[in-house]
Amino acid sequence: MLVTRPLSPLKARLVDSHAHLGLEPLYQNADAVVQRARSAGVTAIITVGIDLEDARRALELTERFEDVYVSLGYHPHNAKEVRDATLHEMAELATHSKVLAYGEIGLDYFRDYSPRSAQKAVFSDQLSIAKALSKPVVIHLRSAYDEGLTALEKAGPFPAGGVIHCFSGDARDAQRALDIGFYISIPGTITYKKNEKFRAIVSRLPEERILLETDCPFLAPEPKRGKDNEPAYIVYTAQTVASVRNTSVEAIAQATTANAARLFNLPLK
């Protein structure tokens, strides 16, 4: 049963572990977006920079908002733009004190906006950068789970850990990610009526390995589907996760916030 109660502040706090506040329309409305998130019970937002321009916007947002943090790296869509100099600059930006992770990096064979050869090369290079920086890695995989997980298995271990963001794989993919030591991040797609297989996977995941995310402005949950997503809507995702795991929203909020704090070394108050 899907749960879509009206938004209301929770006693336990939530972390949006993957947002894109640097993208429109969120960027131009960032003050209101962040305030709505706070009102909904979101205690921290990790915004993700997917290229150099977006990474700079993300870092600028951290100067405006104490509770906004950053992960950055070249998205596989942008792999064709990457050169040695741009990778070096991205690595330099990643040394900023509010950059908690490196990514989202990975493989996207669904869109193929960049040649697969470029995606694989840039993915490998950025895994090395993340390890050199001792940052957790944020992984994007779409229509490339087997190849991407194999690359991670070969490149491991990852002492700082990592997460498969916006998980869309099957049960075997989830187990492989867990075996690597990674977390699995649950987006608003879990609320979609036809996503029963995903809900079944989430119902069996170890509580200590799940995170919540919006991936906003994309993938708005029910009942906001079709609208621009934002961090405040993570409450709907938490409600559905709690429902499929037969627990309370507060318990899911407490667990996933603790998980995010552990993986990203979030300085939560």
Protein backbone atom coordinates (compact mmCIF):
# COMPACT_ATOMS: atom_id res chain seq x y z
CA MET A 1 0.00 0.00 0.00
CA LEU A 2 1.37 3.39 -1.00
CA VAL A 3 1.29 6.16 1.57
CA THR A 4 1.02 9.78 0.49
CA ARG A 5 -0.09 11.70 3.55
CA PRO A 6 0.16 15.49 3.45
CA LEU A 7 3.55 16.94 4.26
CA SER A 8 4.12 17.68 7.92
CA PRO A 9 7.29 18.18 9.95
CA LEU A 10 8.70 14.98 11.46
CA LYS A 11 10.00 14.51 14.98
CA ALA A 12 13.06 12.81 13.47
CA ARG A 13 15.04 14.71 10.86
CA LEU A 14 15.67 13.71 7.24
CA VAL A 15 18.66 14.06 4.92
CA ASP A 16 18.23 14.53 1.18
CA SER A 17 21.37 12.69 0.14
CA HIS A 18 21.18 13.65 -3.55
CA ALA A 19 19.71 16.85 -4.96
CA HIS A 20 20.53 19.20 -7.82
CA LEU A 21 19.94 22.65 -6.37
CA GLY A 22 22.22 24.12 -9.04
CA LEU A 23 19.75 23.23 -11.77
CA GLU A 24 16.72 25.29 -12.70
CA PRO A 25 14.12 26.00 -11.53
CA LEU A 26 15.59 25.19 -8.11
CA TYR A 27 18.62 27.46 -8.39
CA GLN A 28 16.71 30.67 -8.99
CA ASN A 29 14.34 29.80 -6.15
CA ALA A 30 16.93 28.37 -3.78
CA ASP A 31 15.97 30.45 -0.73
CA ALA A 32 12.35 29.30 -0.84
CA VAL A 33 13.30 25.71 -1.75
CA VAL A 34 15.68 25.38 1.20
CA GLN A 35 13.21 26.98 3.59
CA ARG A 36 10.45 24.57 2.53
CA ALA A 37 12.85 21.67 3.08
CA ARG A 38 13.66 22.87 6.59
CA SER A 39 9.96 23.26 7.37
CA ALA A 40 9.36 19.66 6.22
CA GLY A 41 12.04 18.32 8.58
CA VAL A 42 15.05 18.11 6.25
CA THR A 43 18.17 18.78 8.29
CA ALA A 44 20.75 18.57 5.48
CA ILE A 45 20.84 18.56 1.68
CA ILE A 46 23.70 17.22 -0.40
CA THR A 47 23.58 18.99 -3.75
CA VAL A 48 25.45 17.42 -6.64
CA GLY A 49 27.57 19.21 -9.23
CA ILE A 50 27.72 17.30 -12.52
CA ASP A 51 30.26 19.44 -14.40
CA LEU A 52 32.57 22.32 -13.54
CA GLU A 53 29.96 25.05 -13.94
CA ASP A 54 27.41 23.16 -11.89
CA ALA A 55 30.03 22.31 -9.26
CA ARG A 56 30.82 26.00 -8.82
CA ARG A 57 27.13 26.80 -8.40
CA ALA A 58 26.86 24.03 -5.81
CA LEU A 59 29.76 25.47 -3.83
CA GLU A 60 28.23 28.92 -4.01
CA LEU A 61 25.04 27.52 -2.50
CA THR A 62 26.99 26.15 0.46
CA GLU A 63 28.10 29.68 1.27
CA ARG A 64 24.46 30.79 1.39
CA PHE A 65 23.06 27.84 3.33
CA GLU A 66 24.76 26.24 6.33
CA ASP A 67 22.80 22.98 5.88
CA VAL A 68 23.69 22.49 2.20
CA TYR A 69 26.69 20.31 1.35
CA VAL A 70 28.20 19.12 -1.93
CA SER A 71 29.18 16.09 -3.93
CA LEU A 72 30.77 16.77 -7.29
CA GLY A 73 32.22 15.00 -10.30
CA TYR A 74 31.64 14.56 -14.01
CA HIS A 75 28.32 12.87 -14.75
CA PRO A 76 28.61 10.18 -17.46
CA HIS A 77 26.47 12.37 -19.75
CA ASN A 78 29.32 14.90 -19.67
CA ALA A 79 32.20 12.46 -20.16
CA LYS A 80 32.84 13.67 -23.71
CA GLU A 81 33.74 17.12 -22.31
CA VAL A 82 36.43 15.83 -19.95
CA ARG A 83 40.11 16.56 -20.42
CA ASP A 84 43.08 16.12 -18.10
CA ALA A 85 42.92 19.80 -17.14
CA THR A 86 39.20 19.72 -16.35
CA LEU A 87 39.58 16.58 -14.25
CA HIS A 88 42.39 18.26 -12.33
CA GLU A 89 40.19 21.31 -11.71
CA MET A 90 37.31 19.14 -10.53
CA ALA A 91 39.63 17.35 -8.14
CA GLU A 92 40.81 20.71 -6.79
CA LEU A 93 37.23 21.86 -6.20
CA ALA A 94 36.58 18.59 -4.37
CA THR A 95 39.05 19.58 -1.63
CA HIS A 96 36.61 22.23 -0.37
CA SER A 97 35.58 21.57 3.22
CA LYS A 98 31.87 21.24 2.36
CA VAL A 99 32.47 18.69 -0.41
CA LEU A 100 31.57 15.45 1.33
CA ALA A 101 31.73 13.02 -1.61
CA TYR A 102 32.89 12.59 -5.19
CA GLY A 103 30.27 11.98 -7.88
CA GLU A 104 27.86 11.33 -9.38
CA ILE A 105 30.11 9.32 -11.64
CA GLY A 106 29.43 6.14 -13.54
CA LEU A 107 27.89 4.79 -16.71
CA ASP A 108 24.66 5.67 -18.52
CA TYR A 109 23.92 3.41 -21.48
CA PHE A 110 20.25 4.41 -21.57
CA ARG A 111 20.85 7.90 -22.99
CA ASP A 112 24.36 7.44 -24.39
CA TYR A 113 24.90 11.21 -24.43
CA SER A 114 28.65 10.49 -24.34
CA PRO A 115 30.41 7.64 -26.17
CA ARG A 116 30.66 4.54 -24.00
CA SER A 117 34.42 4.45 -24.41
CA ALA A 118 34.65 7.97 -22.96
CA GLN A 119 32.26 7.10 -20.14
CA LYS A 120 34.34 4.09 -19.10
CA ALA A 121 37.62 5.99 -19.21
CA VAL A 122 36.30 8.95 -17.22
CA PHE A 123 34.61 6.64 -14.71
CA SER A 124 37.89 4.85 -14.07
CA ASP A 125 39.84 8.10 -13.74
CA GLN A 126 37.32 9.55 -11.30
CA LEU A 127 37.24 6.44 -9.13
CA SER A 128 40.97 6.95 -8.72
CA ILE A 129 40.46 10.62 -7.84
CA ALA A 130 37.85 9.78 -5.21
CA LYS A 131 40.14 7.24 -3.59
CA ALA A 132 43.07 9.66 -3.64
CA LEU A 133 40.89 12.28 -1.93
CA SER A 134 39.51 9.73 0.59
CA LYS A 135 35.98 10.70 -0.41
CA PRO A 136 32.97 8.38 -0.65
CA VAL A 137 31.88 7.82 -4.25
CA VAL A 138 28.38 8.55 -5.54
CA ILE A 139 27.61 6.19 -8.41
CA HIS A 140 25.19 6.68 -11.32
CA LEU A 141 24.28 3.53 -13.24
CA ARG A 142 21.53 3.30 -15.83
CA SER A 143 21.16 0.36 -18.22
CA ALA A 144 24.74 -0.47 -17.22
CA TYR A 145 24.49 -2.22 -13.86
CA ASP A 146 26.49 -5.34 -14.69
CA GLU A 147 29.38 -3.45 -16.28
CA GLY A 148 29.35 -0.70 -13.67
CA LEU A 149 29.30 -3.04 -10.69
CA THR A 150 32.03 -5.15 -12.25
CA ALA A 151 34.16 -2.01 -12.59
CA LEU A 152 33.55 -1.19 -8.93
CA GLU A 153 34.40 -4.72 -7.84
CA LYS A 154 37.69 -4.55 -9.76
CA ALA A 155 38.55 -1.06 -8.50
CA GLY A 156 37.82 -1.80 -4.85
CA PRO A 157 38.17 -1.71 -1.99
CA PHE A 158 36.79 1.76 -1.24
CA PRO A 159 37.85 2.69 2.30
CA ALA A 160 35.63 5.79 2.31
CA GLY A 161 32.65 3.83 1.03
CA GLY A 162 30.09 4.77 -1.56
CA VAL A 163 26.46 4.72 -2.65
CA ILE A 164 24.53 3.64 -5.70
CA HIS A 165 22.37 6.69 -6.16
CA CYS A 166 18.81 6.53 -7.51
CA PHE A 167 18.88 2.74 -7.50
CA SER A 168 17.05 1.14 -10.43
CA GLY A 169 18.64 -2.30 -10.61
CA ASP A 170 17.34 -5.71 -9.65
CA ALA A 171 17.76 -7.75 -6.46
CA ARG A 172 21.04 -9.26 -7.66
CA ASP A 173 22.44 -5.80 -8.43
CA ALA A 174 21.45 -4.66 -4.95
CA GLN A 175 23.26 -7.58 -3.36
CA ARG A 176 26.40 -6.95 -5.39
CA ALA A 177 26.39 -3.32 -4.27
CA LEU A 178 25.96 -4.37 -0.65
CA ASP A 179 28.79 -6.88 -1.01
CA ILE A 180 31.10 -4.09 -2.17
CA GLY A 181 30.18 -2.26 1.02
CA PHE A 182 28.04 0.37 -0.64
CA TYR A 183 24.80 1.99 0.43
CA ILE A 184 21.68 2.01 -1.75
CA SER A 185 19.84 5.29 -2.18
CA ILE A 186 16.08 5.28 -2.64
CA PRO A 187 14.45 7.97 -4.81
CA GLY A 188 10.84 9.02 -5.24
CA THR A 189 10.31 6.33 -7.87
CA ILE A 190 9.50 3.94 -5.01
CA THR A 191 6.14 5.73 -4.73
CA TYR A 192 5.14 5.01 -8.35
CA LYS A 193 2.21 2.63 -8.58
CA LYS A 194 3.83 0.20 -11.04
CA ASN A 195 7.14 -0.05 -9.16
CA GLU A 196 6.25 -3.13 -7.12
CA LYS A 197 9.54 -4.94 -7.84
CA PHE A 198 11.53 -2.02 -6.46
CA ARG A 199 9.38 -1.88 -3.33
CA ALA A 200 9.99 -5.58 -2.81
CA ILE A 201 13.77 -5.03 -3.04
CA VAL A 202 13.63 -2.12 -0.60
CA SER A 203 11.60 -4.16 1.86
CA ARG A 204 14.55 -6.55 2.22
CA LEU A 205 17.50 -4.15 2.30
CA PRO A 206 19.51 -3.90 5.53
CA GLU A 207 18.32 -0.85 7.45
CA GLU A 208 21.89 0.28 8.04
CA ARG A 209 22.59 0.52 4.29
CA ILE A 210 19.72 2.65 2.96
CA LEU A 211 19.66 6.35 2.15
CA LEU A 212 16.88 8.60 0.88
CA GLU A 213 17.15 11.10 -1.95
CA THR A 214 15.04 13.25 -4.22
CA ASP A 215 17.34 13.63 -7.26
CA CYS A 216 15.41 16.88 -7.63
CA PRO A 217 14.28 18.57 -9.80
CA PHE A 218 13.72 15.13 -11.36
CA LEU A 219 11.58 12.15 -10.28
CA ALA A 220 9.01 13.84 -8.10
CA PRO A 221 7.19 11.29 -5.92
CA GLU A 222 3.48 10.65 -5.82
CA PRO A 223 1.39 12.77 -5.37
CA LYS A 224 3.70 15.42 -6.90
CA ARG A 225 4.60 13.35 -9.97
CA GLY A 226 4.87 15.45 -13.11
CA LYS A 227 5.93 18.54 -11.16
CA ASP A 228 9.40 19.83 -10.36
CA ASN A 229 10.78 17.83 -7.46
CA GLU A 230 12.42 19.47 -4.43
CA PRO A 231 13.98 18.36 -1.13
CA ALA A 232 10.79 18.90 0.91
CA TYR A 233 9.13 16.09 -1.02
CA ILE A 234 11.50 13.51 0.43
CA VAL A 235 8.88 13.06 3.16
CA TYR A 236 6.70 11.19 0.65
CA THR A 237 9.55 8.82 -0.15
CA ALA A 238 10.15 8.23 3.56
CA GLN A 239 6.46 7.45 4.05
CA THR A 240 6.48 4.79 1.34
CA VAL A 241 9.74 3.23 2.54
CA ALA A 242 8.26 3.03 6.03
CA SER A 243 5.11 1.41 4.66
CA VAL A 244 6.89 -1.31 2.67
CA ARG A 245 9.19 -2.06 5.61
CA ASN A 246 6.33 -2.12 8.14
CA THR A 247 7.77 0.55 10.37
CA SER A 248 7.21 4.20 11.22
CA VAL A 249 8.26 7.21 9.18
CA GLU A 250 10.16 8.46 12.22
CA ALA A 251 12.12 5.20 12.42
CA ILE A 252 13.06 5.44 8.72
CA ALA A 253 14.03 9.08 9.12
CA GLN A 254 16.21 8.28 12.13
CA ALA A 255 17.92 5.33 10.43
CA THR A 256 18.57 6.97 7.07
CA THR A 257 19.80 10.18 8.67
CA ALA A 258 22.24 8.19 10.79
CA ASN A 259 23.37 6.30 7.68
CA ALA A 260 23.94 9.53 5.74
CA ALA A 261 25.85 11.02 8.66
CA ARG A 262 28.06 7.92 8.82
CA LEU A 263 28.81 7.70 5.09
CA PHE A 264 29.31 11.40 4.41
CA ASN A 265 30.65 12.48 7.82
CA LEU A 266 27.78 14.94 8.01
CA PRO A 267 28.23 17.40 10.88
CA LEU A 268 24.60 17.20 11.98
CA LYS A 269 23.50 19.20 15.01
